Every structure is written in structure tokens, then in C-alpha cells.
Amino acid sequence: MEWKRPDSLESPIVWSRFEGKPHRDQSPLKYIVQDITEDLIEDAVEHMTRYFLVRENITSCIGYLEDKVSTDELRDVWRQALKQGVGLVALVQDPEDESRKKIAGVNMTLIVTLEDKEKSENKKSEFMEKIKGKLWKKTLRTLLELESNVDVGNLYGGQSTKYMSAYGLSVAPQYNGDGVGYQLLMARTPLCRALGVALTVTAFTGPASQYLAKKAGFETIASLDYSTYEHDGELAYPRLDGCCLLMAKRIPVRDD
């Protein structure tokens, strides 16, 4: 049975508030990070389509947006994940009207249970055959192979039955430099605590996101070198340098 947000946990909850940097003679922008509520799902999906697919390392280098079938399939994956009710959005607050908010960034966070993960792995071939988009299948294969040798449930000596993952982190370019991506990553901690989740694990595909993840307390648990990683005897991403990293963070019960 697919995991869903507990009814006892109200929504939306504001997980953090922060200010950006001063811009010339303008005051710093004020932001909140909160849950992605049902009314924000389509806006969040549009944000990810517009910014994530053209800026994220893997999807940008393979021209993901040119494959409409793959794009539509991934958009549906995002929508399905957001039905859990644990996606995160950074909103810019309008000082003149607090009810008006613009999306500055999105983190497509979701909860994965080891039970559901095991079921998916057992039916991986069947699932992959159902995927129609060539580039979505390629991307998903990469992520599955990155995770294949990691025993997530026993990380940090624990016996986790579930963990927080994500299907992408994106910040609109006009808000770069205000720490939006970092704050979205840090908001996972109070969210996980509220959900009783002790671990978050995510693939970070490029240097910028890997830097932010490390700053936010994540550490590398698996890696994939783009210069040697192959699909069917050929380099999967010949235009990319560096590594794709699977990174994890233990969520403490309280601040260490």
C-alpha cells in the first residue's frame, strides 16, 4: 500500500522562514518553505518542467524536453509523488499582500517504504517495459543502478522501514544566490521529524547540487562516474564530467 501523509499532521505547515540577500537598493526578499498543497501541484510541476529539465545535469545534456513522451511521463511521476503531501516549495512573500506568493523553488520530496521498494525491484523489468519515453527510461535506469548496491534500511546502523527521497530540486534563476536550494534541503529535517522518518537519501547529479547537499549535512554513500558509465556498451552521458552521487543524511531526533 502506497504511503500517504498522516491525517493527524496538518497541512500546510511552514517549515522555515528566511531572507535573501539585498539586491542593489532593494530590501532582501522574504521566503517561506512549506508543504506543496493540492492547489500548488500543477504550479510546482510547471516550475520543474520549465527550470529543472533545462538546468539539471542529466536531463539538460540529453535534451529531455525534446522528448515529449518522456516529459509527460515524468510530469505524471511528479504529480503522483505530490499526492503524498510531503513535497516542499519555497515561496516569495509579497510584503504588500502576504496571500500573494511566487514559487522560487521546489523540492519533489516523497517517502519511500522499503516494502514498496522491494516490490518495485521484484517487478523492475515489467515496470521498465511499460515506460514509453526513451529518455525517461534512460534516466530511471541510471538512478536505479546507482542505488542498486546500497542497503538503505541499515544505513547508520539503523533499521529504517522508510526514508525520504526526491525526484528533483529546482530554483528559478532569478532567485539564485538567496540560498533557496539550501533552505529547501534543510527543511527536510523538521519535515522528517514530524513524519517520524530518520533518514533521507537522494541522488545529486551535478557539482552545484552536490555542494549544497554536503553543506546541508548529506554524505556520499554511492557514486557513478560519468566518464566510464555505460548503457549497452556505450557511454550513457558522453557530454558530462564528474559523478552522480547518491547522498544520505541521518535525521536526528533533535538538533545535535
C-alpha atoms as a PDB file:
ATOM      1  CA  MET A   1       0.000   0.000   0.000  1.00  0.00           C
ATOM      2  CA  GLU A   2       1.439   3.355  -1.052  1.00  0.00           C
ATOM      3  CA  TRP A   3       2.481   5.664   1.773  1.00  0.00           C
ATOM      4  CA  LYS A   4       0.445   8.816   2.451  1.00  0.00           C
ATOM      5  CA  ARG A   5       0.803  11.739   4.802  1.00  0.00           C
ATOM      6  CA  PRO A   6      -0.882  11.064   8.173  1.00  0.00           C
ATOM      7  CA  ASP A   7      -4.235  12.795   8.565  1.00  0.00           C
ATOM      8  CA  SER A   8      -3.125  13.918  12.020  1.00  0.00           C
ATOM      9  CA  LEU A   9      -0.439  16.158  10.518  1.00  0.00           C
ATOM     10  CA  GLU A  10      -1.987  19.448   9.446  1.00  0.00           C
ATOM     11  CA  SER A  11      -1.230  20.945   6.050  1.00  0.00           C
ATOM     12  CA  PRO A  12       0.259  23.221   5.027  1.00  0.00           C
ATOM     13  CA  ILE A  13       2.960  23.659   7.621  1.00  0.00           C
ATOM     14  CA  VAL A  14       5.609  26.365   7.241  1.00  0.00           C
ATOM     15  CA  TRP A  15       8.893  24.573   7.942  1.00  0.00           C
ATOM     16  CA  SER A  16      11.188  27.580   7.741  1.00  0.00           C
ATOM     17  CA  ARG A  17      11.379  31.306   7.066  1.00  0.00           C
ATOM     18  CA  PHE A  18      14.418  33.113   5.743  1.00  0.00           C
ATOM     19  CA  GLU A  19      15.606  36.238   3.958  1.00  0.00           C
ATOM     20  CA  GLY A  20      17.637  36.520   0.812  1.00  0.00           C
ATOM     21  CA  LYS A  21      20.452  38.952   0.127  1.00  0.00           C
ATOM     22  CA  PRO A  22      19.950  42.663  -0.566  1.00  0.00           C
ATOM     23  CA  HIS A  23      19.699  43.402  -4.284  1.00  0.00           C
ATOM     24  CA  ARG A  24      21.167  46.822  -5.087  1.00  0.00           C
ATOM     25  CA  ASP A  25      18.908  49.319  -3.341  1.00  0.00           C
ATOM     26  CA  GLN A  26      16.094  46.814  -2.732  1.00  0.00           C
ATOM     27  CA  SER A  27      15.350  45.143   0.572  1.00  0.00           C
ATOM     28  CA  PRO A  28      16.046  41.397   0.879  1.00  0.00           C
ATOM     29  CA  LEU A  29      13.257  39.132  -0.299  1.00  0.00           C
ATOM     30  CA  LYS A  30      11.450  37.147   2.366  1.00  0.00           C
ATOM     31  CA  TYR A  31      10.724  33.471   1.829  1.00  0.00           C
ATOM     32  CA  ILE A  32       8.868  30.624   3.470  1.00  0.00           C
ATOM     33  CA  VAL A  33       9.319  26.895   2.894  1.00  0.00           C
ATOM     34  CA  GLN A  34       6.107  24.933   3.243  1.00  0.00           C
ATOM     35  CA  ASP A  35       4.315  21.816   2.021  1.00  0.00           C
ATOM     36  CA  ILE A  36       3.109  21.698  -1.565  1.00  0.00           C
ATOM     37  CA  THR A  37      -0.655  21.683  -1.133  1.00  0.00           C
ATOM     38  CA  GLU A  38      -3.087  20.334  -3.707  1.00  0.00           C
ATOM     39  CA  ASP A  39      -3.723  23.784  -5.174  1.00  0.00           C
ATOM     40  CA  LEU A  40       0.011  24.202  -5.838  1.00  0.00           C
ATOM     41  CA  ILE A  41       0.640  20.839  -7.515  1.00  0.00           C
ATOM     42  CA  GLU A  42       0.246  22.000 -11.121  1.00  0.00           C
ATOM     43  CA  ASP A  43       2.269  25.165 -10.487  1.00  0.00           C
ATOM     44  CA  ALA A  44       5.042  23.053  -8.957  1.00  0.00           C
ATOM     45  CA  VAL A  45       5.007  20.665 -11.928  1.00  0.00           C
ATOM     46  CA  GLU A  46       5.183  23.602 -14.345  1.00  0.00           C
ATOM     47  CA  HIS A  47       8.092  25.070 -12.376  1.00  0.00           C
ATOM     48  CA  MET A  48      10.018  21.783 -12.581  1.00  0.00           C
ATOM     49  CA  THR A  49       9.307  21.437 -16.286  1.00  0.00           C
ATOM     50  CA  ARG A  50      10.412  24.986 -17.048  1.00  0.00           C
ATOM     51  CA  TYR A  51      13.545  25.113 -14.899  1.00  0.00           C
ATOM     52  CA  PHE A  52      14.615  21.663 -13.695  1.00  0.00           C
ATOM     53  CA  LEU A  53      14.565  19.880 -17.063  1.00  0.00           C
ATOM     54  CA  VAL A  54      16.713  22.540 -18.750  1.00  0.00           C
ATOM     55  CA  ARG A  55      19.185  23.084 -15.876  1.00  0.00           C
ATOM     56  CA  GLU A  56      19.670  19.684 -14.196  1.00  0.00           C
ATOM     57  CA  ASN A  57      22.831  17.944 -15.414  1.00  0.00           C
ATOM     58  CA  ILE A  58      21.447  14.724 -16.848  1.00  0.00           C
ATOM     59  CA  THR A  59      18.158  15.980 -18.288  1.00  0.00           C
ATOM     60  CA  SER A  60      19.762  19.040 -19.876  1.00  0.00           C
ATOM     61  CA  CYS A  61      22.636  17.142 -21.515  1.00  0.00           C
ATOM     62  CA  ILE A  62      20.297  14.642 -23.208  1.00  0.00           C
ATOM     63  CA  GLY A  63      17.759  17.236 -24.343  1.00  0.00           C
ATOM     64  CA  TYR A  64      14.956  15.863 -22.212  1.00  0.00           C
ATOM     65  CA  LEU A  65      12.368  18.477 -23.208  1.00  0.00           C
ATOM     66  CA  GLU A  66      12.703  17.408 -26.843  1.00  0.00           C
ATOM     67  CA  ASP A  67      11.201  14.050 -25.896  1.00  0.00           C
ATOM     68  CA  LYS A  68       7.543  14.892 -25.242  1.00  0.00           C
ATOM     69  CA  VAL A  69       6.652  11.360 -24.206  1.00  0.00           C
ATOM     70  CA  SER A  70       9.384  11.279 -21.558  1.00  0.00           C
ATOM     71  CA  THR A  71       8.474  14.768 -20.363  1.00  0.00           C
ATOM     72  CA  ASP A  72       4.802  13.851 -19.990  1.00  0.00           C
ATOM     73  CA  GLU A  73       5.683  10.646 -18.136  1.00  0.00           C
ATOM     74  CA  LEU A  74       7.936  12.474 -15.706  1.00  0.00           C
ATOM     75  CA  ARG A  75       5.305  15.144 -15.114  1.00  0.00           C
ATOM     76  CA  ASP A  76       2.892  12.352 -14.165  1.00  0.00           C
ATOM     77  CA  VAL A  77       5.517  10.868 -11.824  1.00  0.00           C
ATOM     78  CA  TRP A  78       5.848  14.268 -10.118  1.00  0.00           C
ATOM     79  CA  ARG A  79       2.071  14.579  -9.770  1.00  0.00           C
ATOM     80  CA  GLN A  80       1.825  11.115  -8.259  1.00  0.00           C
ATOM     81  CA  ALA A  81       4.623  11.832  -5.790  1.00  0.00           C
ATOM     82  CA  LEU A  82       2.987  15.091  -4.703  1.00  0.00           C
ATOM     83  CA  LYS A  83      -0.209  13.251  -3.813  1.00  0.00           C
ATOM     84  CA  GLN A  84       1.676  12.031  -0.728  1.00  0.00           C
ATOM     85  CA  GLY A  85       1.516  15.590   0.586  1.00  0.00           C
ATOM     86  CA  VAL A  86       5.194  15.964   1.528  1.00  0.00           C
ATOM     87  CA  GLY A  87       6.620  17.948  -1.387  1.00  0.00           C
ATOM     88  CA  LEU A  88       8.386  21.185  -0.451  1.00  0.00           C
ATOM     89  CA  VAL A  89       8.069  24.626  -2.018  1.00  0.00           C
ATOM     90  CA  ALA A  90       9.903  27.890  -1.340  1.00  0.00           C
ATOM     91  CA  LEU A  91       7.575  30.852  -1.768  1.00  0.00           C
ATOM     92  CA  VAL A  92       8.456  34.531  -2.062  1.00  0.00           C
ATOM     93  CA  GLN A  93       6.279  36.611   0.217  1.00  0.00           C
ATOM     94  CA  ASP A  94       4.761  39.812  -1.134  1.00  0.00           C
ATOM     95  CA  PRO A  95       5.275  42.480   1.573  1.00  0.00           C
ATOM     96  CA  GLU A  96       2.118  44.281   0.479  1.00  0.00           C
ATOM     97  CA  ASP A  97      -0.079  41.189   0.296  1.00  0.00           C
ATOM     98  CA  GLU A  98       1.019  38.075   2.190  1.00  0.00           C
ATOM     99  CA  SER A  99      -1.625  35.989   0.428  1.00  0.00           C
ATOM    100  CA  ARG A 100       0.238  36.508  -2.847  1.00  0.00           C
ATOM    101  CA  LYS A 101       3.253  34.240  -3.184  1.00  0.00           C
ATOM    102  CA  LYS A 102       5.540  33.330  -6.076  1.00  0.00           C
ATOM    103  CA  ILE A 103       7.296  29.982  -6.371  1.00  0.00           C
ATOM    104  CA  ALA A 104      11.046  30.427  -6.005  1.00  0.00           C
ATOM    105  CA  GLY A 105      11.992  26.769  -5.723  1.00  0.00           C
ATOM    106  CA  VAL A 106      10.636  23.249  -5.471  1.00  0.00           C
ATOM    107  CA  ASN A 107      11.916  20.005  -3.979  1.00  0.00           C
ATOM    108  CA  MET A 108       9.925  16.996  -5.164  1.00  0.00           C
ATOM    109  CA  THR A 109      10.314  15.099  -1.910  1.00  0.00           C
ATOM    110  CA  LEU A 110       8.473  11.854  -1.202  1.00  0.00           C
ATOM    111  CA  ILE A 111       8.516   8.978   1.252  1.00  0.00           C
ATOM    112  CA  VAL A 112       9.742   5.562   0.098  1.00  0.00           C
ATOM    113  CA  THR A 113       8.950   2.480   2.174  1.00  0.00           C
ATOM    114  CA  LEU A 114      11.314  -0.465   1.951  1.00  0.00           C
ATOM    115  CA  GLU A 115       8.318  -2.732   1.415  1.00  0.00           C
ATOM    116  CA  ASP A 116       7.201  -0.811  -1.666  1.00  0.00           C
ATOM    117  CA  LYS A 117      10.813  -0.513  -2.845  1.00  0.00           C
ATOM    118  CA  GLU A 118      11.258  -4.284  -2.661  1.00  0.00           C
ATOM    119  CA  LYS A 119       8.041  -4.859  -4.589  1.00  0.00           C
ATOM    120  CA  SER A 120       9.205  -2.432  -7.278  1.00  0.00           C
ATOM    121  CA  GLU A 121      12.588  -4.133  -7.570  1.00  0.00           C
ATOM    122  CA  ASN A 122      10.920  -7.518  -7.993  1.00  0.00           C
ATOM    123  CA  LYS A 123       8.882  -6.141 -10.886  1.00  0.00           C
ATOM    124  CA  LYS A 124      11.571  -3.854 -12.301  1.00  0.00           C
ATOM    125  CA  SER A 125      11.701  -5.477 -15.752  1.00  0.00           C
ATOM    126  CA  GLU A 126       7.939  -5.386 -16.093  1.00  0.00           C
ATOM    127  CA  PHE A 127       7.844  -1.764 -14.941  1.00  0.00           C
ATOM    128  CA  MET A 128      10.620  -0.642 -17.312  1.00  0.00           C
ATOM    129  CA  GLU A 129       8.863  -2.254 -20.267  1.00  0.00           C
ATOM    130  CA  LYS A 130       5.785  -0.115 -19.599  1.00  0.00           C
ATOM    131  CA  ILE A 131       7.781   3.115 -19.899  1.00  0.00           C
ATOM    132  CA  LYS A 132       7.336   4.609 -23.358  1.00  0.00           C
ATOM    133  CA  GLY A 133       9.701   7.581 -23.175  1.00  0.00           C
ATOM    134  CA  LYS A 134      13.243   6.730 -24.225  1.00  0.00           C
ATOM    135  CA  LEU A 135      14.880   9.424 -22.106  1.00  0.00           C
ATOM    136  CA  TRP A 136      12.773   8.773 -19.010  1.00  0.00           C
ATOM    137  CA  LYS A 137      13.721   5.102 -19.239  1.00  0.00           C
ATOM    138  CA  LYS A 138      17.386   6.050 -19.570  1.00  0.00           C
ATOM    139  CA  THR A 139      17.272   8.417 -16.606  1.00  0.00           C
ATOM    140  CA  LEU A 140      15.411   5.959 -14.393  1.00  0.00           C
ATOM    141  CA  ARG A 141      17.806   3.142 -15.282  1.00  0.00           C
ATOM    142  CA  THR A 142      20.703   5.344 -14.190  1.00  0.00           C
ATOM    143  CA  LEU A 143      19.137   6.129 -10.833  1.00  0.00           C
ATOM    144  CA  LEU A 144      18.192   2.513 -10.170  1.00  0.00           C
ATOM    145  CA  GLU A 145      21.718   1.318 -10.941  1.00  0.00           C
ATOM    146  CA  LEU A 146      23.184   3.986  -8.660  1.00  0.00           C
ATOM    147  CA  GLU A 147      21.035   2.716  -5.782  1.00  0.00           C
ATOM    148  CA  SER A 148      21.361  -0.990  -6.555  1.00  0.00           C
ATOM    149  CA  ASN A 149      24.217  -1.828  -4.164  1.00  0.00           C
ATOM    150  CA  VAL A 150      23.096   0.295  -1.214  1.00  0.00           C
ATOM    151  CA  ASP A 151      21.341  -1.241   1.791  1.00  0.00           C
ATOM    152  CA  VAL A 152      19.291   1.828   2.663  1.00  0.00           C
ATOM    153  CA  GLY A 153      17.463   0.233   5.567  1.00  0.00           C
ATOM    154  CA  ASN A 154      20.653  -0.385   7.524  1.00  0.00           C
ATOM    155  CA  LEU A 155      22.419   2.921   6.943  1.00  0.00           C
ATOM    156  CA  TYR A 156      23.987   4.437  10.058  1.00  0.00           C
ATOM    157  CA  GLY A 157      23.412   1.213  11.966  1.00  0.00           C
ATOM    158  CA  GLY A 158      19.669   1.677  11.990  1.00  0.00           C
ATOM    159  CA  GLN A 159      16.819  -0.434  10.715  1.00  0.00           C
ATOM    160  CA  SER A 160      14.743   2.082   8.798  1.00  0.00           C
ATOM    161  CA  THR A 161      11.484   0.941   7.219  1.00  0.00           C
ATOM    162  CA  LYS A 162      11.059   4.157   5.256  1.00  0.00           C
ATOM    163  CA  TYR A 163      13.081   7.157   4.129  1.00  0.00           C
ATOM    164  CA  MET A 164      12.664  10.468   2.334  1.00  0.00           C
ATOM    165  CA  SER A 165      13.794  10.648  -1.273  1.00  0.00           C
ATOM    166  CA  ALA A 166      13.234  13.230  -4.018  1.00  0.00           C
ATOM    167  CA  TYR A 167      12.544  13.490  -7.742  1.00  0.00           C
ATOM    168  CA  GLY A 168      14.390  16.746  -8.263  1.00  0.00           C
ATOM    169  CA  LEU A 169      15.301  20.099  -6.733  1.00  0.00           C
ATOM    170  CA  SER A 170      14.922  23.323  -8.696  1.00  0.00           C
ATOM    171  CA  VAL A 171      15.318  27.049  -8.104  1.00  0.00           C
ATOM    172  CA  ALA A 172      14.109  29.688 -10.551  1.00  0.00           C
ATOM    173  CA  PRO A 173      17.184  31.555 -11.852  1.00  0.00           C
ATOM    174  CA  GLN A 174      16.004  34.981 -10.678  1.00  0.00           C
ATOM    175  CA  TYR A 175      16.290  33.755  -7.080  1.00  0.00           C
ATOM    176  CA  ASN A 176      19.787  32.300  -7.361  1.00  0.00           C
ATOM    177  CA  GLY A 177      22.109  33.474  -4.619  1.00  0.00           C
ATOM    178  CA  ASP A 178      19.437  33.713  -1.923  1.00  0.00           C
ATOM    179  CA  GLY A 179      20.055  30.240  -0.512  1.00  0.00           C
ATOM    180  CA  VAL A 180      16.732  28.835  -1.698  1.00  0.00           C
ATOM    181  CA  GLY A 181      18.100  25.417  -2.651  1.00  0.00           C
ATOM    182  CA  TYR A 182      19.935  25.059   0.648  1.00  0.00           C
ATOM    183  CA  GLN A 183      16.845  26.046   2.644  1.00  0.00           C
ATOM    184  CA  LEU A 184      14.730  23.506   0.765  1.00  0.00           C
ATOM    185  CA  LEU A 185      17.227  20.787   1.669  1.00  0.00           C
ATOM    186  CA  MET A 186      17.372  21.896   5.297  1.00  0.00           C
ATOM    187  CA  ALA A 187      13.573  21.880   5.541  1.00  0.00           C
ATOM    188  CA  ARG A 188      13.650  18.114   5.145  1.00  0.00           C
ATOM    189  CA  THR A 189      14.863  17.825   8.738  1.00  0.00           C
ATOM    190  CA  PRO A 190      11.791  19.238  10.521  1.00  0.00           C
ATOM    191  CA  LEU A 191       9.505  17.592   7.964  1.00  0.00           C
ATOM    192  CA  CYS A 192      11.110  14.177   8.520  1.00  0.00           C
ATOM    193  CA  ARG A 193      10.929  14.621  12.284  1.00  0.00           C
ATOM    194  CA  ALA A 194       7.221  15.383  12.072  1.00  0.00           C
ATOM    195  CA  LEU A 195       6.733  12.250   9.975  1.00  0.00           C
ATOM    196  CA  GLY A 196       8.875  10.012  12.175  1.00  0.00           C
ATOM    197  CA  VAL A 197      11.378   9.450   9.367  1.00  0.00           C
ATOM    198  CA  ALA A 198      15.017   9.069  10.419  1.00  0.00           C
ATOM    199  CA  LEU A 199      16.739   9.157   7.043  1.00  0.00           C
ATOM    200  CA  THR A 200      16.779  10.994   3.732  1.00  0.00           C
ATOM    201  CA  VAL A 201      18.527   9.621   0.629  1.00  0.00           C
ATOM    202  CA  THR A 202      18.723  11.334  -2.772  1.00  0.00           C
ATOM    203  CA  ALA A 203      20.742  11.285  -5.990  1.00  0.00           C
ATOM    204  CA  PHE A 204      22.520  14.566  -6.769  1.00  0.00           C
ATOM    205  CA  THR A 205      23.754  14.743 -10.343  1.00  0.00           C
ATOM    206  CA  GLY A 206      25.940  17.852 -10.549  1.00  0.00           C
ATOM    207  CA  PRO A 207      28.542  19.857  -8.615  1.00  0.00           C
ATOM    208  CA  ALA A 208      26.171  22.663  -7.561  1.00  0.00           C
ATOM    209  CA  SER A 209      23.543  20.409  -6.008  1.00  0.00           C
ATOM    210  CA  GLN A 210      26.226  18.157  -4.502  1.00  0.00           C
ATOM    211  CA  TYR A 211      27.840  21.174  -2.848  1.00  0.00           C
ATOM    212  CA  LEU A 212      24.503  22.258  -1.364  1.00  0.00           C
ATOM    213  CA  ALA A 213      23.777  18.730  -0.164  1.00  0.00           C
ATOM    214  CA  LYS A 214      27.132  18.468   1.576  1.00  0.00           C
ATOM    215  CA  LYS A 215      26.569  21.885   3.173  1.00  0.00           C
ATOM    216  CA  ALA A 216      23.169  20.660   4.376  1.00  0.00           C
ATOM    217  CA  GLY A 217      24.723  17.640   6.084  1.00  0.00           C
ATOM    218  CA  PHE A 218      24.473  14.934   3.419  1.00  0.00           C
ATOM    219  CA  GLU A 219      27.310  12.490   2.765  1.00  0.00           C
ATOM    220  CA  THR A 220      28.084  10.299  -0.239  1.00  0.00           C
ATOM    221  CA  ILE A 221      27.093   6.630   0.000  1.00  0.00           C
ATOM    222  CA  ALA A 222      27.441   5.643  -3.678  1.00  0.00           C
ATOM    223  CA  SER A 223      28.772   7.204  -6.864  1.00  0.00           C
ATOM    224  CA  LEU A 224      28.660   6.756 -10.608  1.00  0.00           C
ATOM    225  CA  ASP A 225      31.431   8.174 -12.813  1.00  0.00           C
ATOM    226  CA  TYR A 226      30.029   9.716 -15.998  1.00  0.00           C
ATOM    227  CA  SER A 227      33.317   9.131 -17.849  1.00  0.00           C
ATOM    228  CA  THR A 228      33.018   5.335 -17.524  1.00  0.00           C
ATOM    229  CA  TYR A 229      29.291   4.718 -17.013  1.00  0.00           C
ATOM    230  CA  GLU A 230      27.817   2.814 -19.943  1.00  0.00           C
ATOM    231  CA  HIS A 231      24.447   1.708 -21.253  1.00  0.00           C
ATOM    232  CA  ASP A 232      24.595  -1.221 -23.663  1.00  0.00           C
ATOM    233  CA  GLY A 233      28.317  -0.818 -24.377  1.00  0.00           C
ATOM    234  CA  GLU A 234      28.307   2.956 -24.950  1.00  0.00           C
ATOM    235  CA  LEU A 235      28.857   5.911 -22.664  1.00  0.00           C
ATOM    236  CA  ALA A 236      25.470   6.907 -21.339  1.00  0.00           C
ATOM    237  CA  TYR A 237      26.341  10.600 -20.884  1.00  0.00           C
ATOM    238  CA  PRO A 238      29.394  11.436 -23.022  1.00  0.00           C
ATOM    239  CA  ARG A 239      28.890  15.187 -22.563  1.00  0.00           C
ATOM    240  CA  LEU A 240      29.065  15.064 -18.778  1.00  0.00           C
ATOM    241  CA  ASP A 241      32.077  15.245 -16.485  1.00  0.00           C
ATOM    242  CA  GLY A 242      32.222  14.334 -12.826  1.00  0.00           C
ATOM    243  CA  CYS A 243      29.993  11.928 -10.945  1.00  0.00           C
ATOM    244  CA  CYS A 244      26.417  11.304  -9.987  1.00  0.00           C
ATOM    245  CA  LEU A 245      26.293  10.881  -6.208  1.00  0.00           C
ATOM    246  CA  LEU A 246      23.811   9.091  -4.007  1.00  0.00           C
ATOM    247  CA  MET A 247      23.876  11.048  -0.765  1.00  0.00           C
ATOM    248  CA  ALA A 248      22.255  10.447   2.608  1.00  0.00           C
ATOM    249  CA  LYS A 249      21.582  12.309   5.829  1.00  0.00           C
ATOM    250  CA  ARG A 250      20.581  10.897   9.181  1.00  0.00           C
ATOM    251  CA  ILE A 251      17.761  12.894  10.720  1.00  0.00           C
ATOM    252  CA  PRO A 252      18.451  13.426  14.440  1.00  0.00           C
ATOM    253  CA  VAL A 253      15.579  13.417  16.895  1.00  0.00           C
ATOM    254  CA  ARG A 254      16.689  16.889  17.913  1.00  0.00           C
ATOM    255  CA  ASP A 255      19.434  19.294  16.838  1.00  0.00           C
ATOM    256  CA  ASP A 256      22.890  17.843  17.543  1.00  0.00           C
END
